[in-house]
Amino acid sequence: MPIVVDEVVISVEVTNQASGGAASAPDATEDKQTIINECVERVLDILKQKEER
């Protein structure tokens, strides 16, 4: 029986405890969000390609 994935939810928490990453500058937060968005886009593209096969 095939499994169909209708929705994928990915959540990521990025911290750097070695450098005291508890408090980060707003620019660092925006950079992290950009990286997360890029990762999500790539995962969705890979899933779409597998679905088309």
Protein backbone atom coordinates (compact mmCIF):
# COMPACT_ATOMS: atom_id res chain seq x y z
CA MET A 1 0.00 0.00 0.00
CA PRO A 2 1.59 3.32 -1.05
CA ILE A 3 1.99 6.19 1.39
CA VAL A 4 0.99 9.67 0.23
CA VAL A 5 2.47 12.70 1.98
CA ASP A 6 0.09 15.63 1.67
CA GLU A 7 1.99 18.06 3.87
CA VAL A 8 5.47 18.27 5.32
CA VAL A 9 6.17 20.44 8.34
CA ILE A 10 9.79 21.12 9.19
CA SER A 11 10.86 23.06 12.25
CA VAL A 12 14.46 23.78 13.11
CA GLU A 13 16.08 25.44 16.09
CA VAL A 14 19.56 26.75 15.37
CA THR A 15 21.73 27.69 18.33
CA ASN A 16 25.41 28.05 18.97
CA GLN A 17 25.95 27.22 22.63
CA ALA A 18 29.76 27.36 22.36
CA SER A 19 29.67 31.09 21.67
CA GLY A 20 26.79 31.89 24.00
CA GLY A 21 24.12 31.69 21.32
CA ALA A 22 21.25 32.36 23.71
CA ALA A 23 21.14 36.06 22.76
CA SER A 24 21.74 36.78 19.09
CA ALA A 25 21.69 39.97 17.09
CA PRO A 26 18.70 40.63 14.80
CA ASP A 27 20.92 40.26 11.73
CA ALA A 28 21.96 36.78 12.84
CA THR A 29 18.31 35.84 13.29
CA GLU A 30 17.49 37.05 9.78
CA ASP A 31 20.45 35.08 8.38
CA LYS A 32 19.26 31.95 10.17
CA GLN A 33 15.74 32.43 8.83
CA THR A 34 17.13 32.80 5.31
CA ILE A 35 19.06 29.53 5.68
CA ILE A 36 16.02 27.75 7.06
CA ASN A 37 13.86 29.01 4.20
CA GLU A 38 16.43 27.80 1.67
CA CYS A 39 16.52 24.35 3.29
CA VAL A 40 12.74 24.07 3.27
CA GLU A 41 12.62 25.07 -0.40
CA ARG A 42 15.21 22.44 -1.31
CA VAL A 43 13.39 19.71 0.63
CA LEU A 44 10.10 20.60 -1.06
CA ASP A 45 11.80 20.55 -4.48
CA ILE A 46 13.24 17.10 -3.78
CA LEU A 47 9.85 15.81 -2.66
CA LYS A 48 8.22 17.25 -5.78
CA GLN A 49 10.81 15.57 -8.01
CA LYS A 50 10.24 12.21 -6.30
CA GLU A 51 6.49 12.62 -6.74
CA GLU A 52 6.89 13.25 -10.47
CA ARG A 53 8.80 10.00 -11.00
